[in-house]
Amino acid sequence: MIKFKQFHSMPLHTASLFASTQTGKEWMETVLPALWAELCTEFGLFCGVVVLKAEDEDSFYESASFGYGEDGFYYSFLNRGSAEWDKLMSSKMPVSFSGKEFPLFGKTTDALSIRIVSEESIGFLLVESEEANSFATIALLSLFAEKIGKEWGKTLAPSFARQTSEADTSYRFFREEIPNLSSAIEHFESKKIVSIFGAPGSGKKTLAKWIHHSIHPEAPILVVESVPDHFGKFEKALTEWGKESRSGSLVFTNVQTFSLGQQQILSDWWSKSGFEGSLFLLGPAEIGGEILPEFQQILRNNSVYLPSLSFLPKPFFARIIQSIFLELCLQQNRSGLLLSEGGEKALLGKVYNENFVELRNTILSGILTCRSQIVDASDLEVGRSRMDLEIPDAEDLDLRRGIEALERQKILLAMRIFSGNQIRMAKALGISRGSLQYKMKQLGLM
């Protein structure tokens, strides 16, 4: 671990900020911005930013910045899900970005970024400089990233854990209605396998992850969405997946698509490979087509059947609806909203072919499009106006409605990340501020 005493030449004011007695949220809000500016100035950095996970949200925001001016700057190549984002958020070492390859703020600068970790990756710091950074600079920035992770963990991490717990409430209610779940969990540790069957969107993957984390919270879990058609490649992939998941869990979705050859390979691997972990097999309520006897035996060895939402008792279903409504209001920073009696009745009377996925999308659309403090039945009507949130199905050829729905999603996300700052939003979205204001008026967002 890097020690503070290694840096004898640190200015007294910077040192006093580093040694501040403030902790947790107070440190994050008051010391962090000032200390970041001090460090960037001391080391002659051109500019720099600290990006952290937002409290009670699955989004990231700028916690401190230096050298960008009032308009700020957005690093588009570090969008979540990009190759550069994934590389940075998994690297134990600082990651460099060349100004010749990436669009940086400075014209003649290179960037250095360091991941910030608490119990998980919670953000990063990034600095730009015209000359190569010294060991002292990199070491102190690494120490600073360590410090941020510790202070974040003192106040924000517990809040994040509460949010995760709250977000699981609705599905916890649903689990109470799964008839054979307790038996499956009871036999899971000895049999090391659970097959989960259910209609689309009924939460098969969610349930598999919950069972895994409940029994083996520290073990890894690997979800496989598709398998190679070539038998040799499938056998090799199974060996690699087994190594990657080690003593954790391996989850296969869509097992109904397995050919007879793939069924045979998986059956042989499960019985002969000596894999020490657990296996989850997910599929529809009824699997058609040919099934090998040995694969059928694996599927039925320890199975769970998830009911469709439409089959739940009305009072119980209403409880789930209210819970999802509260969860989504919290996520969208609209905690003052209420679901009217008519709105709840409309949701109860609807048939959800995609179960939880469709129900959540319907409620989310109502939350984001309602213009009052009460979400009514009219706010939940599909296709009621051009302001529908979700992108239409692939078979829906209404291109204009699909484009407007996607624009609305992106603008709402930018609003949350940049706290409504239209200049920063426009930069991130790649449009002018005037265009942003025009689109927001069109979509009823201002």
Protein backbone atom coordinates (compact mmCIF):
# COMPACT_ATOMS: atom_id res chain seq x y z
CA MET A 1 0.00 0.00 0.00
CA ILE A 2 1.23 3.52 -0.80
CA LYS A 3 1.98 5.55 2.32
CA PHE A 4 1.41 9.28 2.71
CA LYS A 5 4.86 9.76 4.29
CA GLN A 6 6.48 8.93 0.94
CA PHE A 7 5.61 12.41 -0.34
CA HIS A 8 7.70 14.81 1.75
CA SER A 9 7.39 17.69 -0.73
CA MET A 10 3.61 17.90 -0.67
CA PRO A 11 2.41 21.50 0.00
CA LEU A 12 1.05 22.10 3.50
CA HIS A 13 -2.45 23.02 2.32
CA THR A 14 -2.70 19.89 0.17
CA ALA A 15 -1.36 17.81 3.03
CA SER A 16 -3.94 19.28 5.42
CA LEU A 17 -6.73 18.36 3.03
CA PHE A 18 -5.37 14.83 2.76
CA ALA A 19 -5.27 14.59 6.55
CA SER A 20 -8.77 16.03 7.04
CA THR A 21 -10.79 14.58 9.92
CA GLN A 22 -13.95 14.66 7.82
CA THR A 23 -15.11 11.28 6.58
CA GLY A 24 -17.78 9.64 4.48
CA LYS A 25 -20.34 11.75 2.69
CA GLU A 26 -19.03 14.96 4.28
CA TRP A 27 -15.55 14.25 2.89
CA MET A 28 -16.95 13.40 -0.54
CA GLU A 29 -18.90 16.65 -0.77
CA THR A 30 -16.47 19.15 0.77
CA VAL A 31 -12.89 17.82 0.77
CA LEU A 32 -12.84 15.84 -2.47
CA PRO A 33 -13.48 18.73 -4.92
CA ALA A 34 -10.92 21.02 -3.22
CA LEU A 35 -8.30 18.32 -2.84
CA TRP A 36 -8.70 17.25 -6.47
CA ALA A 37 -8.07 20.82 -7.66
CA GLU A 38 -5.03 21.07 -5.35
CA LEU A 39 -3.52 17.82 -6.67
CA CYS A 40 -4.08 18.71 -10.33
CA THR A 41 -2.53 22.15 -9.79
CA GLU A 42 0.44 20.81 -7.79
CA PHE A 43 1.36 18.30 -10.48
CA GLY A 44 0.83 20.69 -13.37
CA LEU A 45 -1.94 18.66 -14.94
CA PHE A 46 -3.84 20.15 -17.87
CA CYS A 47 -7.25 18.95 -16.61
CA GLY A 48 -8.81 16.09 -14.70
CA VAL A 49 -12.08 14.58 -13.53
CA VAL A 50 -13.36 12.17 -10.86
CA VAL A 51 -16.35 10.08 -11.98
CA LEU A 52 -18.29 8.09 -9.36
CA LYS A 53 -21.35 5.90 -9.09
CA ALA A 54 -24.38 7.95 -8.08
CA GLU A 55 -26.00 7.34 -4.72
CA ASP A 56 -29.23 5.30 -5.06
CA GLU A 57 -28.92 5.20 -8.87
CA ASP A 58 -27.42 2.93 -11.49
CA SER A 59 -25.62 5.85 -13.16
CA PHE A 60 -22.35 7.79 -12.85
CA TYR A 61 -21.71 11.48 -12.27
CA GLU A 62 -18.77 13.90 -12.10
CA SER A 63 -17.83 14.27 -8.45
CA ALA A 64 -14.90 16.67 -9.02
CA SER A 65 -13.31 18.31 -12.03
CA PHE A 66 -10.41 20.62 -12.83
CA GLY A 67 -9.46 22.68 -15.88
CA TYR A 68 -12.55 22.21 -18.05
CA GLY A 69 -14.27 25.55 -17.51
CA GLU A 70 -18.00 26.06 -17.01
CA ASP A 71 -19.00 23.98 -20.04
CA GLY A 72 -17.11 20.93 -18.85
CA PHE A 73 -16.15 18.07 -21.13
CA TYR A 74 -17.50 14.60 -21.90
CA TYR A 75 -15.28 11.59 -22.75
CA SER A 76 -17.49 9.79 -25.27
CA PHE A 77 -15.05 6.89 -25.68
CA LEU A 78 -15.66 6.02 -22.01
CA ASN A 79 -19.39 5.41 -22.41
CA ARG A 80 -20.61 2.54 -20.26
CA GLY A 81 -20.34 -0.74 -22.15
CA SER A 82 -17.60 0.47 -24.52
CA ALA A 83 -14.38 -1.52 -24.90
CA GLU A 84 -12.43 1.28 -23.20
CA TRP A 85 -14.91 1.41 -20.29
CA ASP A 86 -14.70 -2.36 -19.76
CA LYS A 87 -10.90 -2.25 -19.94
CA LEU A 88 -10.64 0.58 -17.41
CA MET A 89 -13.21 -0.82 -14.97
CA SER A 90 -11.46 -4.19 -14.79
CA SER A 91 -7.83 -3.07 -14.79
CA LYS A 92 -5.74 -3.17 -11.62
CA MET A 93 -3.20 -0.85 -13.23
CA PRO A 94 -3.55 2.72 -14.55
CA VAL A 95 -4.82 2.87 -18.15
CA SER A 96 -3.41 5.34 -20.67
CA PHE A 97 -5.29 7.00 -23.55
CA SER A 98 -3.22 8.64 -26.29
CA GLY A 99 -4.36 12.01 -27.56
CA LYS A 100 -3.53 10.85 -31.08
CA GLU A 101 -6.01 7.99 -30.80
CA PHE A 102 -8.77 9.35 -28.54
CA PRO A 103 -10.67 12.71 -28.56
CA LEU A 104 -9.30 14.37 -25.43
CA PHE A 105 -9.97 17.87 -24.07
CA GLY A 106 -6.44 19.13 -24.63
CA LYS A 107 -5.02 19.46 -28.13
CA THR A 108 -1.56 18.11 -27.25
CA THR A 109 -2.28 15.97 -24.19
CA ASP A 110 -2.39 12.29 -23.27
CA ALA A 111 -4.68 10.90 -20.56
CA LEU A 112 -4.08 8.59 -17.62
CA SER A 113 -7.00 6.95 -15.81
CA ILE A 114 -7.20 4.92 -12.60
CA ARG A 115 -10.13 2.78 -11.52
CA ILE A 116 -11.73 3.55 -8.13
CA VAL A 117 -12.78 0.51 -6.11
CA SER A 118 -14.84 -0.03 -2.97
CA GLU A 119 -16.30 -3.54 -2.82
CA GLU A 120 -16.71 -3.22 -6.60
CA SER A 121 -15.65 -0.78 -9.32
CA ILE A 122 -17.41 2.48 -8.45
CA GLY A 123 -15.80 4.91 -10.88
CA PHE A 124 -12.50 6.32 -12.05
CA LEU A 125 -10.28 9.39 -12.06
CA LEU A 126 -8.77 10.70 -15.27
CA VAL A 127 -6.10 13.34 -15.84
CA GLU A 128 -4.62 14.90 -18.97
CA SER A 129 -1.06 16.21 -19.22
CA GLU A 130 1.27 17.35 -21.97
CA GLU A 131 4.25 15.47 -20.55
CA ALA A 132 4.64 11.95 -19.21
CA ASN A 133 3.51 11.65 -15.59
CA SER A 134 6.22 10.92 -13.00
CA PHE A 135 6.13 7.98 -10.62
CA ALA A 136 5.26 10.35 -7.76
CA THR A 137 2.25 11.68 -9.67
CA ILE A 138 0.93 8.23 -10.56
CA ALA A 139 1.55 6.94 -7.03
CA LEU A 140 -0.26 9.85 -5.39
CA LEU A 141 -3.18 9.56 -7.81
CA SER A 142 -3.40 5.86 -6.97
CA LEU A 143 -3.38 6.72 -3.27
CA PHE A 144 -6.10 9.27 -3.90
CA ALA A 145 -8.22 6.68 -5.75
CA GLU A 146 -7.79 4.37 -2.75
CA LYS A 147 -8.92 7.12 -0.40
CA ILE A 148 -12.02 7.89 -2.50
CA GLY A 149 -12.99 4.20 -2.52
CA LYS A 150 -12.74 4.01 1.28
CA GLU A 151 -14.79 7.16 1.88
CA TRP A 152 -17.40 6.10 -0.70
CA GLY A 153 -17.74 2.79 1.10
CA LYS A 154 -18.46 4.46 4.46
CA THR A 155 -21.71 6.10 3.35
CA LEU A 156 -22.61 5.41 -0.25
CA ALA A 157 -22.06 1.66 -0.32
CA PRO A 158 -24.56 0.93 2.50
CA SER A 159 -27.08 3.11 0.67
CA PHE A 160 -26.42 1.17 -2.53
CA ALA A 161 -26.94 -2.07 -0.64
CA ARG A 162 -30.26 -0.78 0.67
CA GLN A 163 -31.32 0.14 -2.84
CA THR A 164 -30.44 -3.35 -4.09
CA SER A 165 -32.45 -4.81 -1.24
CA GLU A 166 -35.41 -2.55 -1.97
CA ALA A 167 -35.23 -3.32 -5.68
CA ASP A 168 -35.52 -7.02 -4.82
CA THR A 169 -38.74 -6.53 -2.82
CA SER A 170 -41.20 -7.13 -5.65
CA TYR A 171 -39.45 -10.28 -6.80
CA ARG A 172 -39.24 -11.46 -3.19
CA PHE A 173 -43.02 -11.26 -3.07
CA PHE A 174 -43.19 -13.27 -6.29
CA ARG A 175 -40.87 -15.97 -4.88
CA GLU A 176 -43.40 -16.59 -2.14
CA GLU A 177 -45.80 -17.86 -4.83
CA ILE A 178 -43.37 -20.36 -6.39
CA PRO A 179 -44.75 -23.67 -5.03
CA ASN A 180 -41.67 -25.93 -5.12
CA LEU A 181 -38.93 -23.35 -4.52
CA SER A 182 -38.20 -24.32 -0.91
CA SER A 183 -37.70 -27.95 -1.88
CA ALA A 184 -35.40 -27.04 -4.75
CA ILE A 185 -33.22 -24.88 -2.50
CA GLU A 186 -33.13 -27.62 0.13
CA HIS A 187 -31.73 -30.10 -2.41
CA PHE A 188 -29.48 -27.62 -4.20
CA GLU A 189 -26.36 -28.08 -2.08
CA SER A 190 -26.41 -31.86 -2.42
CA LYS A 191 -27.50 -32.14 -6.06
CA LYS A 192 -25.72 -28.95 -7.23
CA ILE A 193 -28.29 -28.41 -9.94
CA VAL A 194 -31.57 -26.53 -10.44
CA SER A 195 -33.65 -26.40 -13.63
CA ILE A 196 -35.91 -23.36 -13.79
CA PHE A 197 -38.88 -23.32 -16.18
CA GLY A 198 -41.26 -20.47 -16.85
CA ALA A 199 -42.87 -18.11 -19.35
CA PRO A 200 -40.86 -15.29 -21.01
CA GLY A 201 -39.92 -12.50 -18.61
CA SER A 202 -40.93 -14.46 -15.50
CA GLY A 203 -37.52 -14.00 -13.88
CA LYS A 204 -35.76 -17.31 -14.46
CA LYS A 205 -32.32 -15.72 -14.59
CA THR A 206 -33.11 -13.49 -11.61
CA LEU A 207 -34.11 -16.53 -9.57
CA ALA A 208 -30.98 -18.46 -10.55
CA LYS A 209 -28.77 -15.57 -9.43
CA TRP A 210 -30.71 -15.21 -6.18
CA ILE A 211 -30.32 -18.91 -5.32
CA HIS A 212 -26.62 -18.77 -6.14
CA HIS A 213 -25.92 -15.61 -4.09
CA SER A 214 -28.03 -16.88 -1.19
CA ILE A 215 -26.05 -20.10 -0.85
CA HIS A 216 -22.64 -19.20 -2.32
CA PRO A 217 -22.37 -15.40 -1.91
CA GLU A 218 -18.61 -15.26 -2.49
CA ALA A 219 -18.43 -17.69 -5.42
CA PRO A 220 -18.42 -16.57 -9.09
CA ILE A 221 -21.39 -17.06 -11.40
CA LEU A 222 -21.23 -17.28 -15.21
CA VAL A 223 -24.34 -16.90 -17.41
CA VAL A 224 -24.17 -18.48 -20.89
CA GLU A 225 -26.77 -17.08 -23.29
CA SER A 226 -25.82 -19.20 -26.34
CA VAL A 227 -23.61 -22.18 -27.09
CA PRO A 228 -21.49 -23.04 -30.18
CA ASP A 229 -23.19 -25.15 -32.86
CA HIS A 230 -19.92 -26.96 -33.59
CA PHE A 231 -19.65 -29.88 -31.16
CA GLY A 232 -15.87 -29.65 -30.77
CA LYS A 233 -16.06 -25.94 -29.96
CA PHE A 234 -18.88 -26.60 -27.48
CA GLU A 235 -16.78 -29.21 -25.66
CA LYS A 236 -13.84 -26.81 -25.51
CA ALA A 237 -16.09 -23.97 -24.35
CA LEU A 238 -17.50 -26.12 -21.53
CA THR A 239 -13.97 -26.77 -20.27
CA GLU A 240 -13.19 -23.04 -20.31
CA TRP A 241 -16.51 -22.09 -18.68
CA GLY A 242 -15.92 -24.66 -15.96
CA LYS A 243 -12.50 -23.16 -15.21
CA GLU A 244 -13.88 -19.62 -15.19
CA SER A 245 -16.77 -20.40 -12.83
CA ARG A 246 -14.58 -22.73 -10.73
CA SER A 247 -16.55 -23.76 -7.61
CA GLY A 248 -19.31 -21.23 -8.42
CA SER A 249 -22.29 -21.60 -10.73
CA LEU A 250 -22.72 -22.04 -14.46
CA VAL A 251 -26.08 -20.86 -15.85
CA PHE A 252 -27.39 -21.95 -19.27
CA THR A 253 -30.37 -20.06 -20.68
CA ASN A 254 -32.66 -21.22 -23.52
CA VAL A 255 -31.91 -24.94 -23.07
CA GLN A 256 -34.89 -25.68 -25.33
CA THR A 257 -32.69 -24.68 -28.30
CA PHE A 258 -30.07 -27.37 -27.59
CA SER A 259 -29.71 -29.94 -30.36
CA LEU A 260 -29.48 -33.64 -29.52
CA GLY A 261 -25.73 -33.45 -29.94
CA GLN A 262 -25.43 -30.46 -27.60
CA GLN A 263 -27.65 -32.23 -25.05
CA GLN A 264 -25.36 -35.26 -25.18
CA ILE A 265 -22.20 -33.18 -24.78
CA LEU A 266 -23.57 -31.25 -21.78
CA SER A 267 -24.86 -34.47 -20.16
CA ASP A 268 -21.48 -36.19 -20.56
CA TRP A 269 -19.60 -33.14 -19.27
CA TRP A 270 -21.84 -32.85 -16.20
CA SER A 271 -21.44 -36.52 -15.27
CA LYS A 272 -17.75 -37.03 -16.13
CA SER A 273 -15.86 -33.70 -15.96
CA GLY A 274 -15.57 -33.48 -12.17
CA PHE A 275 -16.87 -29.89 -12.23
CA GLU A 276 -17.04 -28.76 -8.59
CA GLY A 277 -19.55 -25.99 -9.11
CA SER A 278 -23.31 -25.84 -9.57
CA LEU A 279 -25.46 -25.90 -12.70
CA PHE A 280 -28.60 -23.93 -13.59
CA LEU A 281 -30.63 -24.83 -16.68
CA LEU A 282 -33.28 -22.31 -17.76
CA GLY A 283 -36.06 -22.91 -20.25
CA PRO A 284 -39.74 -22.31 -21.12
CA ALA A 285 -42.65 -23.83 -19.23
CA GLU A 286 -42.90 -26.59 -21.84
CA ILE A 287 -39.99 -27.83 -23.92
CA GLY A 288 -40.97 -29.21 -27.31
CA GLY A 289 -38.84 -31.21 -29.69
CA GLU A 290 -36.67 -34.24 -29.06
CA ILE A 291 -34.93 -34.65 -25.72
CA LEU A 292 -32.37 -37.30 -24.88
CA PRO A 293 -33.33 -39.47 -21.86
CA GLU A 294 -30.14 -38.52 -20.00
CA PHE A 295 -30.70 -34.82 -20.65
CA GLN A 296 -34.34 -35.17 -19.60
CA GLN A 297 -33.13 -36.74 -16.36
CA ILE A 298 -30.85 -33.77 -15.70
CA LEU A 299 -33.67 -31.31 -16.38
CA ARG A 300 -36.03 -33.06 -13.98
CA ASN A 301 -33.44 -33.77 -11.29
CA ASN A 302 -34.26 -30.65 -9.24
CA SER A 303 -36.73 -28.38 -11.01
CA VAL A 304 -38.69 -25.20 -10.31
CA TYR A 305 -41.72 -23.91 -12.24
CA LEU A 306 -42.44 -20.19 -12.24
CA PRO A 307 -46.06 -19.05 -12.57
CA SER A 308 -47.09 -16.35 -15.03
CA LEU A 309 -48.17 -13.05 -13.46
CA SER A 310 -51.66 -13.51 -14.90
CA PHE A 311 -52.18 -16.59 -12.72
CA LEU A 312 -51.39 -14.84 -9.43
CA PRO A 313 -54.21 -13.97 -7.01
CA LYS A 314 -55.33 -10.37 -7.56
CA PRO A 315 -54.49 -9.09 -4.04
CA PHE A 316 -51.04 -10.64 -4.29
CA PHE A 317 -50.48 -9.26 -7.78
CA ALA A 318 -51.52 -5.78 -6.58
CA ARG A 319 -48.84 -5.99 -3.87
CA ILE A 320 -46.20 -6.73 -6.53
CA ILE A 321 -47.42 -3.85 -8.71
CA GLN A 322 -47.20 -1.36 -5.86
CA SER A 323 -43.72 -2.59 -4.95
CA ILE A 324 -42.43 -2.26 -8.54
CA PHE A 325 -44.01 1.20 -8.77
CA LEU A 326 -42.16 2.37 -5.65
CA GLU A 327 -38.86 0.86 -6.84
CA LEU A 328 -39.06 2.59 -10.22
CA CYS A 329 -40.09 5.91 -8.69
CA LEU A 330 -36.99 5.75 -6.49
CA GLN A 331 -34.75 4.91 -9.44
CA GLN A 332 -36.14 7.79 -11.52
CA ASN A 333 -35.98 10.33 -8.67
CA ARG A 334 -39.77 10.74 -8.67
CA SER A 335 -40.47 9.48 -5.16
CA GLY A 336 -43.44 11.85 -4.72
CA LEU A 337 -45.59 10.05 -7.31
CA LEU A 338 -48.66 8.02 -6.43
CA LEU A 339 -50.37 5.25 -8.39
CA SER A 340 -54.10 5.94 -8.59
CA GLU A 341 -56.72 3.30 -7.89
CA GLY A 342 -57.68 3.43 -11.56
CA GLY A 343 -54.06 2.98 -12.58
CA GLU A 344 -53.67 -0.06 -10.35
CA LYS A 345 -56.92 -1.52 -11.70
CA ALA A 346 -55.70 -1.03 -15.28
CA LEU A 347 -52.43 -2.81 -14.50
CA LEU A 348 -54.26 -5.68 -12.80
CA GLY A 349 -56.54 -6.18 -15.80
CA LYS A 350 -53.77 -6.36 -18.39
CA VAL A 351 -52.31 -9.61 -19.76
CA TYR A 352 -48.49 -9.58 -19.73
CA ASN A 353 -47.03 -11.91 -22.33
CA GLU A 354 -43.54 -10.87 -21.23
CA ASN A 355 -44.45 -10.93 -17.52
CA PHE A 356 -42.07 -8.84 -15.34
CA VAL A 357 -40.33 -7.26 -18.34
CA GLU A 358 -43.59 -6.00 -19.84
CA LEU A 359 -45.07 -4.98 -16.48
CA ARG A 360 -42.00 -2.96 -15.48
CA ASN A 361 -41.84 -1.28 -18.89
CA THR A 362 -45.51 -0.30 -18.66
CA ILE A 363 -45.10 1.18 -15.18
CA LEU A 364 -41.84 2.94 -16.10
CA SER A 365 -43.48 4.53 -19.14
CA GLY A 366 -46.30 5.84 -16.94
CA ILE A 367 -43.87 7.25 -14.36
CA LEU A 368 -41.80 9.11 -16.94
CA THR A 369 -44.68 10.43 -19.05
CA CYS A 370 -47.25 11.51 -16.44
CA ARG A 371 -47.52 15.30 -16.02
CA SER A 372 -48.91 15.34 -12.49
CA GLN A 373 -48.11 13.71 -9.16
CA ILE A 374 -50.53 10.86 -9.81
CA VAL A 375 -50.02 8.10 -12.38
CA ASP A 376 -53.49 7.29 -13.73
CA ALA A 377 -54.81 4.67 -16.14
CA SER A 378 -54.42 7.07 -19.07
CA ASP A 379 -50.67 7.36 -18.36
CA LEU A 380 -50.34 3.59 -18.68
CA GLU A 381 -52.07 3.17 -22.03
CA VAL A 382 -49.81 1.76 -24.72
CA GLY A 383 -49.62 3.95 -27.80
CA ARG A 384 -51.60 6.78 -26.22
CA SER A 385 -49.25 9.46 -27.59
CA ARG A 386 -45.88 10.08 -29.20
CA MET A 387 -44.31 10.12 -25.74
CA ASP A 388 -44.24 6.37 -25.12
CA LEU A 389 -41.00 5.44 -23.41
CA GLU A 390 -40.17 2.00 -24.71
CA ILE A 391 -38.90 1.27 -28.19
CA PRO A 392 -41.61 -0.54 -30.20
CA ASP A 393 -41.33 -4.22 -30.98
CA ALA A 394 -39.26 -5.26 -33.99
CA GLU A 395 -42.46 -5.86 -35.99
CA ASP A 396 -43.71 -2.31 -35.39
CA LEU A 397 -42.79 -0.28 -38.47
CA ASP A 398 -43.58 3.15 -36.98
CA LEU A 399 -40.06 4.56 -37.37
CA ARG A 400 -40.93 8.03 -36.05
CA ARG A 401 -42.35 6.68 -32.81
CA GLY A 402 -39.34 4.41 -32.33
CA ILE A 403 -36.88 7.29 -32.85
CA GLU A 404 -38.77 9.57 -30.44
CA ALA A 405 -38.89 6.84 -27.80
CA LEU A 406 -35.13 6.28 -28.04
CA GLU A 407 -34.42 10.03 -27.95
CA ARG A 408 -36.55 10.37 -24.83
CA GLN A 409 -34.68 7.54 -23.10
CA LYS A 410 -31.27 9.07 -23.83
CA ILE A 411 -32.29 12.60 -22.83
CA LEU A 412 -33.75 11.37 -19.52
CA LEU A 413 -30.53 9.45 -18.81
CA ALA A 414 -28.46 12.56 -19.57
CA MET A 415 -30.70 14.62 -17.27
CA ARG A 416 -29.96 12.27 -14.38
CA ILE A 417 -26.20 12.05 -15.04
CA PHE A 418 -25.66 15.81 -15.45
CA SER A 419 -28.34 17.00 -13.00
CA GLY A 420 -30.22 18.86 -15.74
CA ASN A 421 -27.21 20.91 -16.96
CA GLN A 422 -28.23 21.42 -20.60
CA ILE A 423 -24.74 22.39 -21.81
CA ARG A 424 -23.25 19.16 -20.45
CA MET A 425 -26.23 17.15 -21.69
CA ALA A 426 -25.93 18.53 -25.22
CA LYS A 427 -22.19 17.74 -25.33
CA ALA A 428 -22.76 14.16 -24.16
CA LEU A 429 -25.65 13.63 -26.61
CA GLY A 430 -23.66 15.09 -29.49
CA ILE A 431 -26.16 17.84 -30.41
CA SER A 432 -26.35 21.60 -29.95
CA ARG A 433 -28.01 23.12 -26.91
CA GLY A 434 -30.72 24.61 -29.16
CA SER A 435 -31.47 21.20 -30.66
CA LEU A 436 -31.65 19.69 -27.20
CA GLN A 437 -34.14 22.31 -26.00
CA TYR A 438 -36.26 21.81 -29.13
CA LYS A 439 -36.36 18.02 -28.63
CA MET A 440 -37.14 18.39 -24.91
CA LYS A 441 -40.11 20.64 -25.74
CA GLN A 442 -41.32 18.18 -28.36
CA LEU A 443 -41.12 15.29 -25.90
CA GLY A 444 -42.73 17.18 -23.03
CA LEU A 445 -39.58 17.27 -20.91
CA MET A 446 -39.59 21.05 -20.35
